[in-house]
PDB file of N, CA and C in Angstrom:
ATOM      1  N   UNK A   1      -3.784   0.835  22.414  1.00  0.00           N
ATOM      2  CA  UNK A   1      -3.832   1.480  21.118  1.00  0.00           C
ATOM      3  C   UNK A   1      -3.230   0.539  20.076  1.00  0.00           C
ATOM      4  N   UNK A   2      -3.999   0.230  19.062  1.00  0.00           N
ATOM      5  CA  UNK A   2      -3.523  -0.625  17.976  1.00  0.00           C
ATOM      6  C   UNK A   2      -3.043   0.225  16.817  1.00  0.00           C
ATOM      7  N   UNK A   3      -1.924  -0.161  16.286  1.00  0.00           N
ATOM      8  CA  UNK A   3      -1.389   0.531  15.112  1.00  0.00           C
ATOM      9  C   UNK A   3      -1.494  -0.404  13.923  1.00  0.00           C
ATOM     10  N   UNK A   4      -1.848   0.167  12.786  1.00  0.00           N
ATOM     11  CA  UNK A   4      -1.998  -0.639  11.589  1.00  0.00           C
ATOM     12  C   UNK A   4      -1.248   0.015  10.441  1.00  0.00           C
ATOM     13  N   UNK A   5      -0.797  -0.828   9.553  1.00  0.00           N
ATOM     14  CA  UNK A   5      -0.135  -0.360   8.338  1.00  0.00           C
ATOM     15  C   UNK A   5      -0.831  -1.005   7.165  1.00  0.00           C
ATOM     16  N   UNK A   6      -1.083  -0.226   6.132  1.00  0.00           N
ATOM     17  CA  UNK A   6      -1.731  -0.759   4.941  1.00  0.00           C
ATOM     18  C   UNK A   6      -0.933  -0.317   3.724  1.00  0.00           C
ATOM     19  N   UNK A   7      -0.702  -1.238   2.822  1.00  0.00           N
ATOM     20  CA  UNK A   7       0.063  -0.954   1.620  1.00  0.00           C
ATOM     21  C   UNK A   7      -0.845  -0.998   0.404  1.00  0.00           C
ATOM     22  N   UNK A   8      -0.435  -0.301  -0.615  1.00  0.00           N
ATOM     23  CA  UNK A   8      -1.200  -0.290  -1.862  1.00  0.00           C
ATOM     24  C   UNK A   8      -1.145  -1.668  -2.511  1.00  0.00           C
ATOM     25  N   UNK A   9      -2.176  -1.995  -3.247  1.00  0.00           N
ATOM     26  CA  UNK A   9      -2.224  -3.294  -3.929  1.00  0.00           C
ATOM     27  C   UNK A   9      -1.255  -3.345  -5.106  1.00  0.00           C
ATOM     28  N   UNK A  10      -1.051  -2.218  -5.748  1.00  0.00           N
ATOM     29  CA  UNK A  10      -0.154  -2.175  -6.900  1.00  0.00           C
ATOM     30  C   UNK A  10       1.268  -1.928  -6.416  1.00  0.00           C
ATOM     31  N   UNK A  11       2.159  -2.827  -6.786  1.00  0.00           N
ATOM     32  CA  UNK A  11       3.557  -2.700  -6.392  1.00  0.00           C
ATOM     33  C   UNK A  11       4.371  -2.449  -7.649  1.00  0.00           C
ATOM     34  N   UNK A  12       5.235  -1.445  -7.586  1.00  0.00           N
ATOM     35  CA  UNK A  12       6.073  -1.115  -8.723  1.00  0.00           C
ATOM     36  C   UNK A  12       7.534  -1.278  -8.319  1.00  0.00           C
ATOM     37  N   UNK A  13       8.256  -2.025  -9.099  1.00  0.00           N
ATOM     38  CA  UNK A  13       9.679  -2.221  -8.849  1.00  0.00           C
ATOM     39  C   UNK A  13      10.469  -1.280  -9.737  1.00  0.00           C
ATOM     40  N   UNK A  14      11.407  -0.586  -9.131  1.00  0.00           N
ATOM     41  CA  UNK A  14      12.249   0.341  -9.874  1.00  0.00           C
ATOM     42  C   UNK A  14      13.687  -0.091  -9.661  1.00  0.00           C
ATOM     43  N   UNK A  15      14.394  -0.304 -10.741  1.00  0.00           N
ATOM     44  CA  UNK A  15      15.790  -0.712 -10.583  1.00  0.00           C
ATOM     45  C   UNK A  15      16.641   0.513 -10.306  1.00  0.00           C
ATOM     46  N   UNK A  16      17.612   0.330  -9.465  1.00  0.00           N
ATOM     47  CA  UNK A  16      18.529   1.425  -9.143  1.00  0.00           C
ATOM     48  C   UNK A  16      19.898   1.041  -9.655  1.00  0.00           C
ATOM     49  N   UNK A  17      20.856   0.906  -8.763  1.00  0.00           N
ATOM     50  CA  UNK A  17      22.207   0.570  -9.159  1.00  0.00           C
ATOM     51  C   UNK A  17      22.473  -0.914  -8.913  1.00  0.00           C
ATOM     52  N   UNK A  18      23.267  -1.493  -9.753  1.00  0.00           N
ATOM     53  CA  UNK A  18      23.682  -2.876  -9.545  1.00  0.00           C
ATOM     54  C   UNK A  18      24.675  -2.923  -8.387  1.00  0.00           C
ATOM     55  N   UNK A  19      24.803  -4.083  -7.758  1.00  0.00           N
ATOM     56  CA  UNK A  19      25.731  -4.225  -6.641  1.00  0.00           C
ATOM     57  C   UNK A  19      27.152  -3.813  -7.019  1.00  0.00           C
ATOM     58  N   UNK A  20      27.541  -4.060  -8.241  1.00  0.00           N
ATOM     59  CA  UNK A  20      28.890  -3.718  -8.679  1.00  0.00           C
ATOM     60  C   UNK A  20      29.083  -2.199  -8.803  1.00  0.00           C
ATOM     61  N   UNK A  21      28.000  -1.480  -9.073  1.00  0.00           N
ATOM     62  CA  UNK A  21      28.080  -0.038  -9.294  1.00  0.00           C
ATOM     63  C   UNK A  21      27.896   0.786  -8.022  1.00  0.00           C
ATOM     64  N   UNK A  22      27.355   0.169  -6.989  1.00  0.00           N
ATOM     65  CA  UNK A  22      26.990   0.921  -5.794  1.00  0.00           C
ATOM     66  C   UNK A  22      27.669   0.298  -4.584  1.00  0.00           C
ATOM     67  N   UNK A  23      28.538   1.050  -3.950  1.00  0.00           N
ATOM     68  CA  UNK A  23      29.280   0.557  -2.793  1.00  0.00           C
ATOM     69  C   UNK A  23      28.438   0.737  -1.535  1.00  0.00           C
ATOM     70  N   UNK A  24      28.062  -0.363  -0.903  1.00  0.00           N
ATOM     71  CA  UNK A  24      27.213  -0.316   0.291  1.00  0.00           C
ATOM     72  C   UNK A  24      27.986  -0.551   1.586  1.00  0.00           C
ATOM     73  N   UNK A  25      29.293  -0.477   1.526  1.00  0.00           N
ATOM     74  CA  UNK A  25      30.069  -0.688   2.750  1.00  0.00           C
ATOM     75  C   UNK A  25      29.902   0.509   3.675  1.00  0.00           C
ATOM     76  N   UNK A  26      29.924   0.233   4.966  1.00  0.00           N
ATOM     77  CA  UNK A  26      29.732   1.275   5.964  1.00  0.00           C
ATOM     78  C   UNK A  26      30.903   2.244   5.984  1.00  0.00           C
ATOM     79  N   UNK A  27      30.584   3.489   6.267  1.00  0.00           N
ATOM     80  CA  UNK A  27      31.607   4.521   6.385  1.00  0.00           C
ATOM     81  C   UNK A  27      31.961   4.687   7.856  1.00  0.00           C
ATOM     82  N   UNK A  28      33.209   4.941   8.120  1.00  0.00           N
ATOM     83  CA  UNK A  28      33.624   5.176   9.495  1.00  0.00           C
ATOM     84  C   UNK A  28      33.123   6.552   9.926  1.00  0.00           C
ATOM     85  N   UNK A  29      32.547   6.602  11.105  1.00  0.00           N
ATOM     86  CA  UNK A  29      31.971   7.843  11.614  1.00  0.00           C
ATOM     87  C   UNK A  29      33.038   8.626  12.350  1.00  0.00           C
ATOM     88  N   UNK A  30      33.145   9.896  12.012  1.00  0.00           N
ATOM     89  CA  UNK A  30      34.124  10.759  12.672  1.00  0.00           C
ATOM     90  C   UNK A  30      33.586  11.192  14.035  1.00  0.00           C
ATOM     91  N   UNK A  31      34.455  11.343  14.993  1.00  0.00           N
ATOM     92  CA  UNK A  31      34.077  11.809  16.324  1.00  0.00           C
ATOM     93  C   UNK A  31      33.744  13.293  16.260  1.00  0.00           C
ATOM     94  N   UNK A  32      32.746  13.699  17.024  1.00  0.00           N
ATOM     95  CA  UNK A  32      32.399  15.106  17.091  1.00  0.00           C
ATOM     96  C   UNK A  32      33.362  15.823  18.028  1.00  0.00           C
ATOM     97  N   UNK A  33      33.780  16.982  17.605  1.00  0.00           N
ATOM     98  CA  UNK A  33      34.625  17.798  18.473  1.00  0.00           C
ATOM     99  C   UNK A  33      33.720  18.630  19.387  1.00  0.00           C
ATOM    100  N   UNK A  34      34.331  19.277  20.358  1.00  0.00           N
ATOM    101  CA  UNK A  34      33.577  20.156  21.257  1.00  0.00           C
ATOM    102  C   UNK A  34      32.892  21.254  20.449  1.00  0.00           C
ATOM    103  N   UNK A  35      33.607  21.805  19.476  1.00  0.00           N
ATOM    104  CA  UNK A  35      33.059  22.866  18.631  1.00  0.00           C
ATOM    105  C   UNK A  35      31.850  22.365  17.838  1.00  0.00           C
ATOM    106  N   UNK A  36      31.944  21.141  17.296  1.00  0.00           N
ATOM    107  CA  UNK A  36      30.826  20.548  16.548  1.00  0.00           C
ATOM    108  C   UNK A  36      29.608  20.382  17.449  1.00  0.00           C
ATOM    109  N   UNK A  37      29.840  19.858  18.644  1.00  0.00           N
ATOM    110  CA  UNK A  37      28.741  19.623  19.580  1.00  0.00           C
ATOM    111  C   UNK A  37      28.097  20.941  19.997  1.00  0.00           C
ATOM    112  N   UNK A  38      28.910  21.956  20.245  1.00  0.00           N
ATOM    113  CA  UNK A  38      28.392  23.275  20.606  1.00  0.00           C
ATOM    114  C   UNK A  38      27.539  23.840  19.467  1.00  0.00           C
ATOM    115  N   UNK A  39      28.019  23.671  18.241  1.00  0.00           N
ATOM    116  CA  UNK A  39      27.266  24.150  17.080  1.00  0.00           C
ATOM    117  C   UNK A  39      25.920  23.431  16.968  1.00  0.00           C
ATOM    118  N   UNK A  40      25.908  22.121  17.153  1.00  0.00           N
ATOM    119  CA  UNK A  40      24.653  21.361  17.091  1.00  0.00           C
ATOM    120  C   UNK A  40      23.674  21.800  18.173  1.00  0.00           C
ATOM    121  N   UNK A  41      24.156  21.960  19.386  1.00  0.00           N
ATOM    122  CA  UNK A  41      23.283  22.375  20.482  1.00  0.00           C
ATOM    123  C   UNK A  41      22.761  23.796  20.277  1.00  0.00           C
ATOM    124  N   UNK A  42      23.596  24.661  19.718  1.00  0.00           N
ATOM    125  CA  UNK A  42      23.160  26.031  19.425  1.00  0.00           C
ATOM    126  C   UNK A  42      22.068  26.017  18.363  1.00  0.00           C
ATOM    127  N   UNK A  43      22.248  25.223  17.316  1.00  0.00           N
ATOM    128  CA  UNK A  43      21.232  25.116  16.267  1.00  0.00           C
ATOM    129  C   UNK A  43      19.934  24.552  16.832  1.00  0.00           C
ATOM    130  N   UNK A  44      20.035  23.533  17.657  1.00  0.00           N
ATOM    131  CA  UNK A  44      18.849  22.919  18.256  1.00  0.00           C
ATOM    132  C   UNK A  44      18.094  23.939  19.105  1.00  0.00           C
ATOM    133  N   UNK A  45      18.819  24.726  19.879  1.00  0.00           N
ATOM    134  CA  UNK A  45      18.211  25.757  20.712  1.00  0.00           C
ATOM    135  C   UNK A  45      17.519  26.813  19.855  1.00  0.00           C
ATOM    136  N   UNK A  46      18.162  27.217  18.783  1.00  0.00           N
ATOM    137  CA  UNK A  46      17.577  28.218  17.889  1.00  0.00           C
ATOM    138  C   UNK A  46      16.323  27.672  17.217  1.00  0.00           C
ATOM    139  N   UNK A  47      16.367  26.424  16.785  1.00  0.00           N
ATOM    140  CA  UNK A  47      15.193  25.806  16.164  1.00  0.00           C
ATOM    141  C   UNK A  47      14.027  25.761  17.135  1.00  0.00           C
ATOM    142  N   UNK A  48      14.311  25.448  18.398  1.00  0.00           N
ATOM    143  CA  UNK A  48      13.248  25.387  19.410  1.00  0.00           C
ATOM    144  C   UNK A  48      12.627  26.774  19.602  1.00  0.00           C
ATOM    145  N   UNK A  49      13.464  27.812  19.701  1.00  0.00           N
ATOM    146  CA  UNK A  49      12.939  29.174  19.852  1.00  0.00           C
ATOM    147  C   UNK A  49      12.113  29.570  18.631  1.00  0.00           C
ATOM    148  N   UNK A  50      12.601  29.226  17.433  1.00  0.00           N
ATOM    149  CA  UNK A  50      11.854  29.537  16.213  1.00  0.00           C
ATOM    150  C   UNK A  50      10.508  28.825  16.200  1.00  0.00           C
ATOM    151  N   UNK A  51      10.496  27.564  16.611  1.00  0.00           N
ATOM    152  CA  UNK A  51       9.260  26.796  16.624  1.00  0.00           C
ATOM    153  C   UNK A  51       8.267  27.401  17.620  1.00  0.00           C
ATOM    154  N   UNK A  52       8.754  27.757  18.814  1.00  0.00           N
ATOM    155  CA  UNK A  52       7.875  28.353  19.817  1.00  0.00           C
ATOM    156  C   UNK A  52       7.301  29.676  19.319  1.00  0.00           C
ATOM    157  N   UNK A  53       8.115  30.485  18.639  1.00  0.00           N
ATOM    158  CA  UNK A  53       7.648  31.753  18.082  1.00  0.00           C
ATOM    159  C   UNK A  53       6.587  31.506  17.015  1.00  0.00           C
ATOM    160  N   UNK A  54       6.836  30.543  16.130  1.00  0.00           N
ATOM    161  CA  UNK A  54       5.874  30.250  15.068  1.00  0.00           C
ATOM    162  C   UNK A  54       4.564  29.704  15.635  1.00  0.00           C
ATOM    163  N   UNK A  55       4.663  28.870  16.674  1.00  0.00           N
ATOM    164  CA  UNK A  55       3.447  28.329  17.289  1.00  0.00           C
ATOM    165  C   UNK A  55       2.640  29.445  17.954  1.00  0.00           C
ATOM    166  N   UNK A  56       3.325  30.398  18.591  1.00  0.00           N
ATOM    167  CA  UNK A  56       2.628  31.527  19.210  1.00  0.00           C
ATOM    168  C   UNK A  56       1.947  32.380  18.144  1.00  0.00           C
ATOM    169  N   UNK A  57       2.639  32.622  17.027  1.00  0.00           N
ATOM    170  CA  UNK A  57       2.042  33.382  15.928  1.00  0.00           C
ATOM    171  C   UNK A  57       0.832  32.657  15.361  1.00  0.00           C
ATOM    172  N   UNK A  58       0.935  31.351  15.229  1.00  0.00           N
ATOM    173  CA  UNK A  58      -0.165  30.549  14.687  1.00  0.00           C
ATOM    174  C   UNK A  58      -1.372  30.614  15.615  1.00  0.00           C
ATOM    175  N   UNK A  59      -1.130  30.483  16.920  1.00  0.00           N
ATOM    176  CA  UNK A  59      -2.219  30.523  17.892  1.00  0.00           C
ATOM    177  C   UNK A  59      -2.898  31.893  17.874  1.00  0.00           C
ATOM    178  N   UNK A  60      -2.089  32.944  17.774  1.00  0.00           N
ATOM    179  CA  UNK A  60      -2.630  34.296  17.718  1.00  0.00           C
ATOM    180  C   UNK A  60      -3.486  34.488  16.465  1.00  0.00           C
ATOM    181  N   UNK A  61      -3.010  34.002  15.349  1.00  0.00           N
ATOM    182  CA  UNK A  61      -3.759  34.115  14.094  1.00  0.00           C
ATOM    183  C   UNK A  61      -5.074  33.343  14.182  1.00  0.00           C
ATOM    184  N   UNK A  62      -5.029  32.139  14.767  1.00  0.00           N
ATOM    185  CA  UNK A  62      -6.254  31.341  14.899  1.00  0.00           C
ATOM    186  C   UNK A  62      -7.254  32.028  15.823  1.00  0.00           C
ATOM    187  N   UNK A  63      -6.771  32.641  16.906  1.00  0.00           N
ATOM    188  CA  UNK A  63      -7.664  33.356  17.819  1.00  0.00           C
ATOM    189  C   UNK A  63      -8.313  34.535  17.119  1.00  0.00           C
ATOM    190  N   UNK A  64      -7.537  35.268  16.319  1.00  0.00           N
ATOM    191  CA  UNK A  64      -8.087  36.411  15.583  1.00  0.00           C
ATOM    192  C   UNK A  64      -9.126  35.943  14.572  1.00  0.00           C
ATOM    193  N   UNK A  65      -8.866  34.809  13.928  1.00  0.00           N
ATOM    194  CA  UNK A  65      -9.808  34.267  12.950  1.00  0.00           C
ATOM    195  C   UNK A  65     -11.120  33.893  13.630  1.00  0.00           C
ATOM    196  N   UNK A  66     -11.024  33.263  14.805  1.00  0.00           N
ATOM    197  CA  UNK A  66     -12.234  32.873  15.538  1.00  0.00           C
ATOM    198  C   UNK A  66     -13.003  34.112  15.985  1.00  0.00           C
ATOM    199  N   UNK A  67     -12.296  35.120  16.497  1.00  0.00           N
ATOM    200  CA  UNK A  67     -12.960  36.347  16.927  1.00  0.00           C
ATOM    201  C   UNK A  67     -13.649  37.029  15.754  1.00  0.00           C
ATOM    202  N   UNK A  68     -12.976  37.084  14.613  1.00  0.00           N
ATOM    203  CA  UNK A  68     -13.566  37.718  13.428  1.00  0.00           C
ATOM    204  C   UNK A  68     -14.775  36.944  12.928  1.00  0.00           C
ATOM    205  N   UNK A  69     -14.705  35.621  12.988  1.00  0.00           N
ATOM    206  CA  UNK A  69     -15.833  34.821  12.493  1.00  0.00           C
ATOM    207  C   UNK A  69     -17.003  34.886  13.466  1.00  0.00           C
ATOM    208  N   UNK A  70     -16.735  35.089  14.774  1.00  0.00           N
ATOM    209  CA  UNK A  70     -17.827  35.222  15.748  1.00  0.00           C
ATOM    210  C   UNK A  70     -18.590  36.521  15.540  1.00  0.00           C
ATOM    211  N   UNK A  71     -17.920  37.548  15.062  1.00  0.00           N
ATOM    212  CA  UNK A  71     -18.561  38.843  14.844  1.00  0.00           C
ATOM    213  C   UNK A  71     -19.196  38.952  13.467  1.00  0.00           C
ATOM    214  N   UNK A  72     -18.962  37.992  12.620  1.00  0.00           N
ATOM    215  CA  UNK A  72     -19.469  38.028  11.254  1.00  0.00           C
ATOM    216  C   UNK A  72     -20.908  37.525  11.209  1.00  0.00           C
ATOM    217  N   UNK A  73     -21.792  38.201  10.465  1.00  0.00           N
ATOM    218  CA  UNK A  73     -23.179  37.728  10.360  1.00  0.00           C
ATOM    219  C   UNK A  73     -23.296  36.417   9.601  1.00  0.00           C
ATOM    220  N   UNK A  74     -22.389  36.144   8.697  1.00  0.00           N
ATOM    221  CA  UNK A  74     -22.446  34.892   7.935  1.00  0.00           C
ATOM    222  C   UNK A  74     -21.508  33.872   8.562  1.00  0.00           C
ATOM    223  N   UNK A  75     -21.639  33.705   9.857  1.00  0.00           N
ATOM    224  CA  UNK A  75     -20.754  32.814  10.611  1.00  0.00           C
ATOM    225  C   UNK A  75     -21.016  31.365  10.252  1.00  0.00           C
ATOM    226  N   UNK A  76     -19.947  30.609  10.051  1.00  0.00           N
ATOM    227  CA  UNK A  76     -20.074  29.174   9.802  1.00  0.00           C
ATOM    228  C   UNK A  76     -20.113  28.456  11.143  1.00  0.00           C
ATOM    229  N   UNK A  77     -20.930  27.445  11.263  1.00  0.00           N
ATOM    230  CA  UNK A  77     -21.055  26.685  12.494  1.00  0.00           C
ATOM    231  C   UNK A  77     -20.336  25.362  12.348  1.00  0.00           C
ATOM    232  N   UNK A  78     -19.721  24.917  13.439  1.00  0.00           N
ATOM    233  CA  UNK A  78     -19.164  23.575  13.376  1.00  0.00           C
ATOM    234  C   UNK A  78     -20.252  22.599  13.807  1.00  0.00           C
ATOM    235  N   UNK A  79     -20.055  21.346  13.566  1.00  0.00           N
ATOM    236  CA  UNK A  79     -21.069  20.315  13.787  1.00  0.00           C
ATOM    237  C   UNK A  79     -21.510  20.255  15.238  1.00  0.00           C
ATOM    238  N   UNK A  80     -20.582  20.387  16.174  1.00  0.00           N
ATOM    239  CA  UNK A  80     -20.953  20.296  17.590  1.00  0.00           C
ATOM    240  C   UNK A  80     -21.909  21.419  17.990  1.00  0.00           C
ATOM    241  N   UNK A  81     -21.708  22.631  17.467  1.00  0.00           N
ATOM    242  CA  UNK A  81     -22.586  23.732  17.799  1.00  0.00           C
ATOM    243  C   UNK A  81     -23.989  23.504  17.275  1.00  0.00           C
ATOM    244  N   UNK A  82     -24.101  22.903  16.118  1.00  0.00           N
ATOM    245  CA  UNK A  82     -25.413  22.662  15.520  1.00  0.00           C
ATOM    246  C   UNK A  82     -26.166  21.593  16.285  1.00  0.00           C
ATOM    247  N   UNK A  83     -25.450  20.576  16.752  1.00  0.00           N
ATOM    248  CA  UNK A  83     -26.100  19.445  17.410  1.00  0.00           C
ATOM    249  C   UNK A  83     -26.499  19.728  18.855  1.00  0.00           C
ATOM    250  N   UNK A  84     -25.978  20.795  19.426  1.00  0.00           N
ATOM    251  CA  UNK A  84     -26.268  21.066  20.844  1.00  0.00           C
ATOM    252  C   UNK A  84     -27.581  21.785  20.992  1.00  0.00           C
TER     253      UNK A  84
END
């Protein structure tokens, strides 16, 4: 599999902050406590459950849409159905 990147021909430069105005030094990272880690894992678990619920709702909605369109007299055909 080949991956490609293409950029626009027009390039626009936007000035931001001068080196004197913007401090780019690295910040020291604080260690996570057990409570912090538990909170992150709980959020991650909740997000996964929410995503699974939303995907199930989406699949159900798509199935209902397909069923409704199959029963409709003015049904739209996709290209594969027409070519077969």
